[in-house]
C-alpha atoms as a PDB file:
ATOM      1  CA  MET A   1     -25.044 -10.184 -12.543  1.00  0.00           C
ATOM      2  CA  ALA A   2     -22.777  -9.059 -15.380  1.00  0.00           C
ATOM      3  CA  ARG A   3     -25.557  -6.876 -16.778  1.00  0.00           C
ATOM      4  CA  ALA A   4     -26.119  -5.276 -13.360  1.00  0.00           C
ATOM      5  CA  ALA A   5     -22.381  -4.636 -13.003  1.00  0.00           C
ATOM      6  CA  ARG A   6     -22.253  -2.998 -16.439  1.00  0.00           C
ATOM      7  CA  ARG A   7     -25.303  -0.900 -15.599  1.00  0.00           C
ATOM      8  CA  LYS A   8     -23.660   0.253 -12.376  1.00  0.00           C
ATOM      9  CA  SER A   9     -20.397   1.145 -14.144  1.00  0.00           C
ATOM     10  CA  ASN A  10     -22.318   3.165 -16.750  1.00  0.00           C
ATOM     11  CA  GLN A  11     -23.895   5.427 -14.181  1.00  0.00           C
ATOM     12  CA  ALA A  12     -22.925   9.067 -14.569  1.00  0.00           C
ATOM     13  CA  GLN A  13     -20.127  10.137 -12.244  1.00  0.00           C
ATOM     14  CA  ARG A  14     -19.496  13.785 -11.438  1.00  0.00           C
ATOM     15  CA  LEU A  15     -15.996  15.232 -11.538  1.00  0.00           C
ATOM     16  CA  ARG A  16     -14.983  18.713 -10.414  1.00  0.00           C
ATOM     17  CA  VAL A  17     -12.154  20.587 -12.151  1.00  0.00           C
ATOM     18  CA  GLY A  18     -11.813  23.753 -10.112  1.00  0.00           C
ATOM     19  CA  GLU A  19     -15.289  25.316 -10.209  1.00  0.00           C
ATOM     20  CA  LEU A  20     -16.209  23.362 -13.363  1.00  0.00           C
ATOM     21  CA  GLU A  21     -18.324  20.233 -12.932  1.00  0.00           C
ATOM     22  CA  LEU A  22     -17.936  17.455 -15.489  1.00  0.00           C
ATOM     23  CA  VAL A  23     -19.869  14.207 -15.959  1.00  0.00           C
ATOM     24  CA  LYS A  24     -18.293  10.889 -16.943  1.00  0.00           C
ATOM     25  CA  VAL A  25     -20.108   7.712 -18.010  1.00  0.00           C
ATOM     26  CA  GLY A  26     -18.502   4.283 -18.059  1.00  0.00           C
ATOM     27  CA  VAL A  27     -16.432   4.711 -14.898  1.00  0.00           C
ATOM     28  CA  ARG A  28     -17.060   3.790 -11.279  1.00  0.00           C
ATOM     29  CA  ARG A  29     -16.500   5.941  -8.236  1.00  0.00           C
ATOM     30  CA  PHE A  30     -15.301   2.908  -6.250  1.00  0.00           C
ATOM     31  CA  ASP A  31     -13.107   0.246  -7.805  1.00  0.00           C
ATOM     32  CA  PRO A  32     -12.653  -2.708  -5.418  1.00  0.00           C
ATOM     33  CA  ARG A  33      -9.238  -3.307  -7.017  1.00  0.00           C
ATOM     34  CA  ASP A  34      -8.060   0.148  -5.926  1.00  0.00           C
ATOM     35  CA  PRO A  35      -9.417   0.811  -2.410  1.00  0.00           C
ATOM     36  CA  TYR A  36      -6.413   3.004  -1.544  1.00  0.00           C
ATOM     37  CA  HIS A  37      -7.395   5.670  -4.080  1.00  0.00           C
ATOM     38  CA  PHE A  38     -10.984   5.615  -2.856  1.00  0.00           C
ATOM     39  CA  ALA A  39      -9.887   5.956   0.778  1.00  0.00           C
ATOM     40  CA  LEU A  40      -7.807   9.047  -0.046  1.00  0.00           C
ATOM     41  CA  THR A  41     -10.305  10.814  -2.311  1.00  0.00           C
ATOM     42  CA  ILE A  42     -13.479  10.364  -0.286  1.00  0.00           C
ATOM     43  CA  SER A  43     -14.545  13.208   1.993  1.00  0.00           C
ATOM     44  CA  TRP A  44     -13.652  13.172   5.688  1.00  0.00           C
ATOM     45  CA  PRO A  45     -17.237  12.502   6.853  1.00  0.00           C
ATOM     46  CA  GLY A  46     -17.510   9.655   4.350  1.00  0.00           C
ATOM     47  CA  PHE A  47     -14.129   8.284   5.443  1.00  0.00           C
ATOM     48  CA  VAL A  48     -15.199   8.249   9.109  1.00  0.00           C
ATOM     49  CA  VAL A  49     -18.465   6.505   8.219  1.00  0.00           C
ATOM     50  CA  TYR A  50     -16.648   3.818   6.229  1.00  0.00           C
ATOM     51  CA  VAL A  51     -14.093   3.247   9.017  1.00  0.00           C
ATOM     52  CA  PHE A  52     -16.764   2.714  11.657  1.00  0.00           C
ATOM     53  CA  THR A  53     -18.817   0.589   9.249  1.00  0.00           C
ATOM     54  CA  PHE A  54     -15.914  -1.759   8.541  1.00  0.00           C
ATOM     55  CA  TYR A  55     -15.006  -1.885  12.240  1.00  0.00           C
ATOM     56  CA  GLY A  56     -18.589  -2.780  13.107  1.00  0.00           C
ATOM     57  CA  LEU A  57     -18.783  -5.459  10.414  1.00  0.00           C
ATOM     58  CA  ILE A  58     -15.561  -7.110  11.607  1.00  0.00           C
ATOM     59  CA  THR A  59     -16.757  -7.006  15.205  1.00  0.00           C
ATOM     60  CA  LEU A  60     -20.150  -8.489  14.329  1.00  0.00           C
ATOM     61  CA  MET A  61     -18.578 -11.213  12.190  1.00  0.00           C
ATOM     62  CA  PHE A  62     -16.390 -12.472  15.027  1.00  0.00           C
ATOM     63  CA  ALA A  63     -19.202 -12.044  17.553  1.00  0.00           C
ATOM     64  CA  GLY A  64     -21.285 -14.326  15.343  1.00  0.00           C
ATOM     65  CA  LEU A  65     -18.515 -16.919  15.386  1.00  0.00           C
ATOM     66  CA  TYR A  66     -18.418 -16.849  19.186  1.00  0.00           C
ATOM     67  CA  LEU A  67     -22.197 -17.273  19.341  1.00  0.00           C
ATOM     68  CA  ALA A  68     -22.049 -20.130  16.843  1.00  0.00           C
ATOM     69  CA  ASN A  69     -19.658 -21.978  19.153  1.00  0.00           C
ATOM     70  CA  PRO A  70     -21.214 -22.121  22.631  1.00  0.00           C
ATOM     71  CA  GLY A  71     -18.696 -22.408  25.439  1.00  0.00           C
ATOM     72  CA  SER A  72     -15.871 -20.851  23.430  1.00  0.00           C
ATOM     73  CA  VAL A  73     -15.830 -17.769  25.712  1.00  0.00           C
ATOM     74  CA  ALA A  74     -15.449 -18.257  29.461  1.00  0.00           C
ATOM     75  CA  ASN A  75     -17.792 -16.300  31.769  1.00  0.00           C
ATOM     76  CA  ALA A  76     -19.984 -15.290  28.804  1.00  0.00           C
ATOM     77  CA  ARG A  77     -23.699 -15.886  29.246  1.00  0.00           C
ATOM     78  CA  PRO A  78     -24.915 -18.620  26.889  1.00  0.00           C
ATOM     79  CA  GLY A  79     -26.560 -17.075  23.814  1.00  0.00           C
ATOM     80  CA  SER A  80     -25.871 -13.520  24.994  1.00  0.00           C
ATOM     81  CA  ILE A  81     -25.386 -11.293  21.943  1.00  0.00           C
ATOM     82  CA  SER A  82     -24.127  -8.395  24.069  1.00  0.00           C
ATOM     83  CA  ASP A  83     -21.448 -10.524  25.766  1.00  0.00           C
ATOM     84  CA  ALA A  84     -20.222 -11.872  22.427  1.00  0.00           C
ATOM     85  CA  PHE A  85     -20.276  -8.396  20.872  1.00  0.00           C
ATOM     86  CA  PHE A  86     -18.347  -6.658  23.644  1.00  0.00           C
ATOM     87  CA  PHE A  87     -15.871  -9.530  23.963  1.00  0.00           C
ATOM     88  CA  SER A  88     -15.316  -9.212  20.217  1.00  0.00           C
ATOM     89  CA  ILE A  89     -14.630  -5.475  20.574  1.00  0.00           C
ATOM     90  CA  GLU A  90     -12.181  -6.065  23.422  1.00  0.00           C
ATOM     91  CA  THR A  91     -10.386  -8.775  21.463  1.00  0.00           C
ATOM     92  CA  LEU A  92     -10.271  -6.767  18.234  1.00  0.00           C
ATOM     93  CA  ALA A  93      -8.720  -3.860  20.135  1.00  0.00           C
ATOM     94  CA  THR A  94      -6.330  -6.290  21.926  1.00  0.00           C
ATOM     95  CA  VAL A  95      -7.526  -4.916  25.284  1.00  0.00           C
ATOM     96  CA  GLY A  96      -8.749  -8.023  27.121  1.00  0.00           C
ATOM     97  CA  TYR A  97     -10.236  -6.961  30.440  1.00  0.00           C
ATOM     98  CA  GLY A  98      -9.852 -10.472  31.910  1.00  0.00           C
ATOM     99  CA  GLU A  99     -13.431 -11.273  32.902  1.00  0.00           C
ATOM    100  CA  MET A 100     -14.108 -13.074  29.621  1.00  0.00           C
ATOM    101  CA  ALA A 101     -11.485 -15.150  27.839  1.00  0.00           C
ATOM    102  CA  PRO A 102     -11.259 -17.953  25.284  1.00  0.00           C
ATOM    103  CA  ALA A 103     -12.318 -21.181  26.959  1.00  0.00           C
ATOM    104  CA  ASN A 104     -11.369 -23.862  24.438  1.00  0.00           C
ATOM    105  CA  LEU A 105      -9.362 -24.456  21.285  1.00  0.00           C
ATOM    106  CA  VAL A 106     -12.074 -23.042  19.021  1.00  0.00           C
ATOM    107  CA  GLY A 107     -12.305 -19.927  21.149  1.00  0.00           C
ATOM    108  CA  HIS A 108      -8.538 -19.470  21.071  1.00  0.00           C
ATOM    109  CA  LEU A 109      -8.454 -19.860  17.271  1.00  0.00           C
ATOM    110  CA  ILE A 110     -11.247 -17.344  16.754  1.00  0.00           C
ATOM    111  CA  ALA A 111      -9.668 -14.885  19.210  1.00  0.00           C
ATOM    112  CA  ALA A 112      -6.257 -15.254  17.552  1.00  0.00           C
ATOM    113  CA  ALA A 113      -7.746 -14.557  14.123  1.00  0.00           C
ATOM    114  CA  GLU A 114      -9.567 -11.524  15.499  1.00  0.00           C
ATOM    115  CA  ILE A 115      -6.438 -10.165  17.189  1.00  0.00           C
ATOM    116  CA  VAL A 116      -4.474 -10.424  13.946  1.00  0.00           C
ATOM    117  CA  SER A 117      -7.353  -8.771  12.084  1.00  0.00           C
ATOM    118  CA  GLY A 118      -7.497  -5.982  14.666  1.00  0.00           C
ATOM    119  CA  MET A 119      -3.764  -5.319  14.447  1.00  0.00           C
ATOM    120  CA  ALA A 120      -3.936  -5.209  10.635  1.00  0.00           C
ATOM    121  CA  PHE A 121      -7.015  -2.951  10.710  1.00  0.00           C
ATOM    122  CA  THR A 122      -5.336  -0.557  13.162  1.00  0.00           C
ATOM    123  CA  ALA A 123      -2.155  -0.406  11.076  1.00  0.00           C
ATOM    124  CA  ILE A 124      -4.064   0.254   7.843  1.00  0.00           C
ATOM    125  CA  MET A 125      -6.281   2.922   9.380  1.00  0.00           C
ATOM    126  CA  THR A 126      -3.287   4.621  11.024  1.00  0.00           C
ATOM    127  CA  GLY A 127      -1.523   4.791   7.664  1.00  0.00           C
ATOM    128  CA  LEU A 128      -4.592   6.120   5.838  1.00  0.00           C
ATOM    129  CA  VAL A 129      -5.275   8.796   8.452  1.00  0.00           C
ATOM    130  CA  PHE A 130      -1.630   9.869   8.387  1.00  0.00           C
ATOM    131  CA  VAL A 131      -1.613  10.135   4.589  1.00  0.00           C
ATOM    132  CA  ARG A 132      -4.869  12.082   4.541  1.00  0.00           C
ATOM    133  CA  PHE A 133      -3.565  14.535   7.148  1.00  0.00           C
ATOM    134  CA  SER A 134      -0.105  14.821   5.590  1.00  0.00           C
ATOM    135  CA  LYS A 135      -1.219  15.594   2.027  1.00  0.00           C
ATOM    136  CA  PRO A 136       0.169  19.055   1.159  1.00  0.00           C
ATOM    137  CA  ARG A 137      -2.606  21.484   0.383  1.00  0.00           C
ATOM    138  CA  PRO A 138      -2.197  24.891  -1.254  1.00  0.00           C
ATOM    139  CA  LYS A 139      -3.672  28.128  -0.040  1.00  0.00           C
ATOM    140  CA  ILE A 140      -3.801  30.317  -3.124  1.00  0.00           C
ATOM    141  CA  PHE A 141      -6.131  33.310  -3.302  1.00  0.00           C
ATOM    142  CA  TYR A 142      -7.603  34.135  -6.705  1.00  0.00           C
ATOM    143  CA  ALA A 143      -9.287  37.292  -7.925  1.00  0.00           C
ATOM    144  CA  ASP A 144     -13.000  36.740  -8.432  1.00  0.00           C
ATOM    145  CA  LYS A 145     -12.722  37.911 -12.034  1.00  0.00           C
ATOM    146  CA  ALA A 146     -10.106  37.864 -14.764  1.00  0.00           C
ATOM    147  CA  VAL A 147      -9.754  41.196 -16.550  1.00  0.00           C
ATOM    148  CA  ILE A 148      -8.913  42.319 -20.074  1.00  0.00           C
ATOM    149  CA  THR A 149      -7.267  45.735 -20.134  1.00  0.00           C
ATOM    150  CA  PRO A 150      -4.566  47.509 -22.189  1.00  0.00           C
ATOM    151  CA  HIS A 151      -0.972  46.929 -21.128  1.00  0.00           C
ATOM    152  CA  ASN A 152       1.780  48.674 -23.069  1.00  0.00           C
ATOM    153  CA  GLY A 153      -0.829  49.555 -25.692  1.00  0.00           C
ATOM    154  CA  THR A 154      -2.047  45.979 -26.278  1.00  0.00           C
ATOM    155  CA  PRO A 155      -5.137  44.268 -24.817  1.00  0.00           C
ATOM    156  CA  THR A 156      -3.968  41.873 -22.147  1.00  0.00           C
ATOM    157  CA  LEU A 157      -5.748  39.156 -20.209  1.00  0.00           C
ATOM    158  CA  MET A 158      -4.811  39.291 -16.537  1.00  0.00           C
ATOM    159  CA  VAL A 159      -5.482  37.085 -13.518  1.00  0.00           C
ATOM    160  CA  ARG A 160      -4.285  38.124 -10.064  1.00  0.00           C
ATOM    161  CA  ILE A 161      -3.359  35.534  -7.454  1.00  0.00           C
ATOM    162  CA  GLY A 162      -2.081  35.801  -3.895  1.00  0.00           C
ATOM    163  CA  ASN A 163      -0.117  33.612  -1.503  1.00  0.00           C
ATOM    164  CA  GLY A 164      -2.499  32.806   1.340  1.00  0.00           C
ATOM    165  CA  ARG A 165       0.224  31.316   3.541  1.00  0.00           C
ATOM    166  CA  ALA A 166       2.267  33.320   6.011  1.00  0.00           C
ATOM    167  CA  ASN A 167       5.430  31.732   4.640  1.00  0.00           C
ATOM    168  CA  LEU A 168       7.171  32.071   1.274  1.00  0.00           C
ATOM    169  CA  LEU A 169       6.453  29.839  -1.719  1.00  0.00           C
ATOM    170  CA  THR A 170       9.337  29.144  -4.103  1.00  0.00           C
ATOM    171  CA  ASN A 171       9.873  27.820  -7.637  1.00  0.00           C
ATOM    172  CA  THR A 172       6.396  28.865  -8.673  1.00  0.00           C
ATOM    173  CA  SER A 173       5.216  27.627 -12.072  1.00  0.00           C
ATOM    174  CA  LEU A 174       2.174  29.258 -13.701  1.00  0.00           C
ATOM    175  CA  GLN A 175       0.022  28.146 -16.597  1.00  0.00           C
ATOM    176  CA  LEU A 176      -3.021  29.710 -18.249  1.00  0.00           C
ATOM    177  CA  THR A 177      -5.156  27.653 -20.634  1.00  0.00           C
ATOM    178  CA  ALA A 178      -8.289  28.445 -22.613  1.00  0.00           C
ATOM    179  CA  LEU A 179     -10.885  25.796 -23.443  1.00  0.00           C
ATOM    180  CA  ILE A 180     -12.673  26.948 -26.605  1.00  0.00           C
ATOM    181  CA  ARG A 181     -15.510  25.332 -28.530  1.00  0.00           C
ATOM    182  CA  GLU A 182     -14.512  25.387 -32.178  1.00  0.00           C
ATOM    183  CA  THR A 183     -16.013  24.156 -35.450  1.00  0.00           C
ATOM    184  CA  SER A 184     -13.794  22.379 -37.944  1.00  0.00           C
ATOM    185  CA  ARG A 185     -13.994  22.779 -41.714  1.00  0.00           C
ATOM    186  CA  GLU A 186     -16.022  19.599 -41.798  1.00  0.00           C
ATOM    187  CA  GLY A 187     -18.593  21.229 -39.549  1.00  0.00           C
ATOM    188  CA  ARG A 188     -17.763  19.215 -36.446  1.00  0.00           C
ATOM    189  CA  SER A 189     -17.911  21.046 -33.132  1.00  0.00           C
ATOM    190  CA  ALA A 190     -15.391  20.149 -30.429  1.00  0.00           C
ATOM    191  CA  TYR A 191     -13.728  21.679 -27.386  1.00  0.00           C
ATOM    192  CA  ASN A 192     -10.034  22.386 -27.922  1.00  0.00           C
ATOM    193  CA  SER A 193      -7.497  23.383 -25.301  1.00  0.00           C
ATOM    194  CA  HIS A 194      -5.110  26.253 -26.092  1.00  0.00           C
ATOM    195  CA  ASP A 195      -2.133  27.267 -23.985  1.00  0.00           C
ATOM    196  CA  LEU A 196      -2.077  31.033 -23.460  1.00  0.00           C
ATOM    197  CA  LYS A 197       1.488  32.305 -23.469  1.00  0.00           C
ATOM    198  CA  LEU A 198       2.271  34.278 -20.341  1.00  0.00           C
ATOM    199  CA  VAL A 199       4.557  37.260 -20.106  1.00  0.00           C
ATOM    200  CA  ARG A 200       6.074  35.505 -17.102  1.00  0.00           C
ATOM    201  CA  ASP A 201       5.289  31.874 -16.367  1.00  0.00           C
ATOM    202  CA  ARG A 202       7.785  31.239 -13.548  1.00  0.00           C
ATOM    203  CA  ALA A 203       8.712  33.047 -10.353  1.00  0.00           C
ATOM    204  CA  PRO A 204      11.611  32.086  -8.067  1.00  0.00           C
ATOM    205  CA  SER A 205       9.654  33.337  -5.054  1.00  0.00           C
ATOM    206  CA  PHE A 206       5.995  34.009  -4.342  1.00  0.00           C
ATOM    207  CA  PRO A 207       5.710  35.989  -1.098  1.00  0.00           C
ATOM    208  CA  LEU A 208       2.738  38.291  -1.791  1.00  0.00           C
ATOM    209  CA  MET A 209       0.857  38.550  -5.092  1.00  0.00           C
ATOM    210  CA  LEU A 210       1.403  37.735  -8.742  1.00  0.00           C
ATOM    211  CA  THR A 211      -0.487  38.774 -11.864  1.00  0.00           C
ATOM    212  CA  LEU A 212      -0.626  36.372 -14.779  1.00  0.00           C
ATOM    213  CA  MET A 213      -0.605  38.334 -18.067  1.00  0.00           C
ATOM    214  CA  HIS A 214      -1.376  37.052 -21.564  1.00  0.00           C
ATOM    215  CA  VAL A 215      -0.976  39.537 -24.412  1.00  0.00           C
ATOM    216  CA  ILE A 216      -3.879  39.254 -26.872  1.00  0.00           C
ATOM    217  CA  ASP A 217      -2.091  39.883 -30.149  1.00  0.00           C
ATOM    218  CA  GLU A 218      -2.499  38.335 -33.601  1.00  0.00           C
ATOM    219  CA  SER A 219      -0.877  35.076 -32.444  1.00  0.00           C
ATOM    220  CA  SER A 220      -3.153  34.680 -29.421  1.00  0.00           C
ATOM    221  CA  PRO A 221      -5.912  32.033 -29.504  1.00  0.00           C
ATOM    222  CA  LEU A 222      -8.212  34.777 -28.146  1.00  0.00           C
ATOM    223  CA  ALA A 223      -7.501  37.215 -31.001  1.00  0.00           C
ATOM    224  CA  GLY A 224     -10.768  38.505 -32.416  1.00  0.00           C
ATOM    225  CA  PHE A 225     -12.869  37.394 -29.435  1.00  0.00           C
ATOM    226  CA  ASP A 226     -15.205  39.826 -27.749  1.00  0.00           C
ATOM    227  CA  ALA A 227     -17.612  39.075 -24.908  1.00  0.00           C
ATOM    228  CA  GLU A 228     -20.286  37.819 -27.302  1.00  0.00           C
ATOM    229  CA  ALA A 229     -17.863  35.586 -29.197  1.00  0.00           C
ATOM    230  CA  MET A 230     -16.439  34.181 -25.965  1.00  0.00           C
ATOM    231  CA  THR A 231     -19.960  33.361 -24.815  1.00  0.00           C
ATOM    232  CA  SER A 232     -20.785  31.727 -28.149  1.00  0.00           C
ATOM    233  CA  ALA A 233     -17.610  29.626 -27.995  1.00  0.00           C
ATOM    234  CA  ASN A 234     -18.208  28.879 -24.295  1.00  0.00           C
ATOM    235  CA  VAL A 235     -14.642  29.883 -23.478  1.00  0.00           C
ATOM    236  CA  ARG A 236     -13.392  28.830 -20.081  1.00  0.00           C
ATOM    237  CA  LEU A 237     -10.047  29.754 -18.562  1.00  0.00           C
ATOM    238  CA  PHE A 238      -7.929  27.425 -16.441  1.00  0.00           C
ATOM    239  CA  VAL A 239      -5.276  28.807 -14.098  1.00  0.00           C
ATOM    240  CA  SER A 240      -2.780  26.241 -12.833  1.00  0.00           C
ATOM    241  CA  VAL A 241      -0.308  27.022 -10.052  1.00  0.00           C
ATOM    242  CA  GLU A 242       2.490  24.771  -8.851  1.00  0.00           C
ATOM    243  CA  ALA A 243       4.941  25.855  -6.158  1.00  0.00           C
ATOM    244  CA  ARG A 244       7.200  24.466  -3.489  1.00  0.00           C
ATOM    245  CA  ASP A 245       6.260  25.091   0.112  1.00  0.00           C
ATOM    246  CA  PRO A 246       9.490  25.073   2.184  1.00  0.00           C
ATOM    247  CA  ALA A 247       7.510  24.671   5.409  1.00  0.00           C
ATOM    248  CA  LEU A 248       6.030  21.392   4.119  1.00  0.00           C
ATOM    249  CA  ALA A 249       9.075  20.442   2.040  1.00  0.00           C
ATOM    250  CA  ALA A 250       6.680  19.454  -0.733  1.00  0.00           C
ATOM    251  CA  LEU A 251       5.145  20.654  -3.968  1.00  0.00           C
ATOM    252  CA  VAL A 252       1.643  22.100  -3.818  1.00  0.00           C
ATOM    253  CA  HIS A 253      -0.748  22.332  -6.750  1.00  0.00           C
ATOM    254  CA  ASP A 254      -3.899  24.332  -7.303  1.00  0.00           C
ATOM    255  CA  LEU A 255      -6.360  24.968 -10.109  1.00  0.00           C
ATOM    256  CA  ARG A 256      -8.939  27.699 -10.694  1.00  0.00           C
ATOM    257  CA  THR A 257     -11.362  28.077 -13.573  1.00  0.00           C
ATOM    258  CA  TYR A 258     -13.037  31.201 -14.931  1.00  0.00           C
ATOM    259  CA  SER A 259     -16.202  31.175 -17.026  1.00  0.00           C
ATOM    260  CA  VAL A 260     -17.079  33.888 -19.540  1.00  0.00           C
ATOM    261  CA  ASP A 261     -19.183  35.639 -16.896  1.00  0.00           C
ATOM    262  CA  GLU A 262     -16.059  35.907 -14.745  1.00  0.00           C
ATOM    263  CA  VAL A 263     -14.055  37.835 -17.347  1.00  0.00           C
ATOM    264  CA  ALA A 264     -14.345  41.645 -17.039  1.00  0.00           C
ATOM    265  CA  PHE A 265     -13.653  43.615 -20.227  1.00  0.00           C
ATOM    266  CA  GLY A 266     -12.177  47.093 -19.945  1.00  0.00           C
ATOM    267  CA  MET A 267     -11.470  46.727 -16.234  1.00  0.00           C
ATOM    268  CA  ARG A 268      -8.230  46.654 -14.253  1.00  0.00           C
ATOM    269  CA  TYR A 269      -7.213  45.535 -10.791  1.00  0.00           C
ATOM    270  CA  VAL A 270      -7.034  48.061  -7.991  1.00  0.00           C
ATOM    271  CA  ASP A 271      -3.554  48.330  -6.504  1.00  0.00           C
ATOM    272  CA  ALA A 272      -3.332  45.953  -3.565  1.00  0.00           C
ATOM    273  CA  VAL A 273       0.384  46.216  -2.783  1.00  0.00           C
ATOM    274  CA  SER A 274       1.736  49.320  -1.093  1.00  0.00           C
ATOM    275  CA  VAL A 275       4.504  50.335   1.309  1.00  0.00           C
ATOM    276  CA  ASP A 276       4.025  50.647   5.060  1.00  0.00           C
ATOM    277  CA  ASP A 277       5.371  53.374   7.357  1.00  0.00           C
ATOM    278  CA  ILE A 278       8.867  51.894   7.520  1.00  0.00           C
ATOM    279  CA  GLY A 279       9.179  51.073   3.837  1.00  0.00           C
ATOM    280  CA  ARG A 280       8.180  47.400   3.816  1.00  0.00           C
ATOM    281  CA  PRO A 281       5.986  46.004   0.988  1.00  0.00           C
ATOM    282  CA  LEU A 282       2.437  45.576   2.253  1.00  0.00           C
ATOM    283  CA  ALA A 283      -0.050  43.291   0.460  1.00  0.00           C
ATOM    284  CA  ASP A 284      -3.742  43.668   1.300  1.00  0.00           C
ATOM    285  CA  MET A 285      -5.298  40.318   0.379  1.00  0.00           C
ATOM    286  CA  THR A 286      -8.780  41.751   0.952  1.00  0.00           C
ATOM    287  CA  LYS A 287      -8.280  43.844  -2.192  1.00  0.00           C
ATOM    288  CA  ILE A 288      -7.227  41.002  -4.459  1.00  0.00           C
ATOM    289  CA  SER A 289     -10.575  40.971  -6.285  1.00  0.00           C
ATOM    290  CA  LEU A 290     -11.179  44.732  -6.454  1.00  0.00           C
ATOM    291  CA  ILE A 291     -11.435  46.043 -10.015  1.00  0.00           C
ATOM    292  CA  GLU A 292     -12.146  49.430 -11.558  1.00  0.00           C
ATOM    293  CA  PRO A 293     -12.748  50.793 -15.088  1.00  0.00           C
ATOM    294  CA  ASP A 294      -9.472  51.222 -16.939  1.00  0.00           C
ATOM    295  CA  GLY A 295     -10.623  54.538 -18.417  1.00  0.00           C
ATOM    296  CA  SER A 296      -9.862  53.509 -21.988  1.00  0.00           C
ATOM    297  CA  GLU A 297     -13.365  53.074 -23.368  1.00  0.00           C
ATOM    298  CA  ALA A 298     -12.758  55.436 -26.244  1.00  0.00           C
ATOM    299  CA  ARG A 299      -9.596  53.703 -27.429  1.00  0.00           C
ATOM    300  CA  HIS A 300      -9.786  50.193 -26.019  1.00  0.00           C
ATOM    301  CA  PRO A 301     -11.438  47.771 -28.499  1.00  0.00           C
ATOM    302  CA  ALA A 302     -12.518  45.419 -25.723  1.00  0.00           C
ATOM    303  CA  ARG A 303     -14.741  48.092 -24.196  1.00  0.00           C
ATOM    304  CA  ARG A 304     -16.660  48.274 -27.472  1.00  0.00           C
ATOM    305  CA  GLY A 305     -16.923  44.485 -27.622  1.00  0.00           C
ATOM    306  CA  VAL A 306     -13.772  43.577 -29.591  1.00  0.00           C
ATOM    307  CA  VAL A 307     -10.452  42.117 -28.446  1.00  0.00           C
ATOM    308  CA  ALA A 308      -7.888  41.807 -31.218  1.00  0.00           C
ATOM    309  CA  GLY A 309      -4.295  42.889 -30.918  1.00  0.00           C
ATOM    310  CA  GLY A 310      -5.157  46.564 -30.777  1.00  0.00           C
ATOM    311  CA  ALA A 311      -7.103  46.473 -34.068  1.00  0.00           C
ATOM    312  CA  GLU A 312     -10.889  46.697 -34.277  1.00  0.00           C
ATOM    313  CA  ARG A 313     -12.624  43.690 -35.809  1.00  0.00           C
ATOM    314  CA  GLU A 314     -16.196  42.710 -36.330  1.00  0.00           C
ATOM    315  CA  ALA A 315     -17.606  40.584 -33.513  1.00  0.00           C
ATOM    316  CA  VAL A 316     -17.997  36.890 -34.244  1.00  0.00           C
ATOM    317  CA  GLY A 317     -21.394  35.620 -33.199  1.00  0.00           C
END
């Protein structure tokens, strides 16, 4: 038994971080000591299946007790599985249509236990459904690709995001991180996380769109990386957004990852914010992912395969 339990716990479990899928060994998807976490993280179809499964098991368990005690239910046909089953459902739901009722002390004890179980089951399921529905969820739009383009004469990594809600988000906190595979002096290869300093990492309000900008200078973890080097190091970008939604009176969080194939060198975002006929800012969310050549191929190192603080370097394979 212990060996089977260890084998089950060592099964590979998949974990999604944004669009990145990870695999973990030595953990279990369902821990019987923490059913609350499982109930909140499982998908809605799976949650519905589990609810009806548990409800059916409780109903069948008490129906079996009624059948095992003949005469405990008045007006129930002796040995009738359907009568015991439907009486169990009516008792569990505390409905009681009146045609069938407990007929002796054993029947009353079983019915009382089932009523208490039904009340507890209803209370637990009501709480779980409420929590699942009330969890604040973000609605952040992300550009399909991050871009690297000159800004104020220096190559800059940019990611454009948009507020997908009709209301304003406030106290927005932004973070950009690069996961880079590096080799130590001892020859050991490992993935290291590097925070990419943003020109602006906080915004008091987020009504329309924001562009995260990281200047790739000599101090940047991405200095000296071109497309080939980023592919070799399997660089992956993580964009983290945290904001307060006044409509929900709660903090919302979101995460988006970008692989090397989703980083466009020498490209820039097409303007998506304009002014309407009466002078109001107008954001076209359908243009959030539109990019175009930045026109700097002759002078922009990234277009020739090098990104390094405005200075040309040899590509690192």
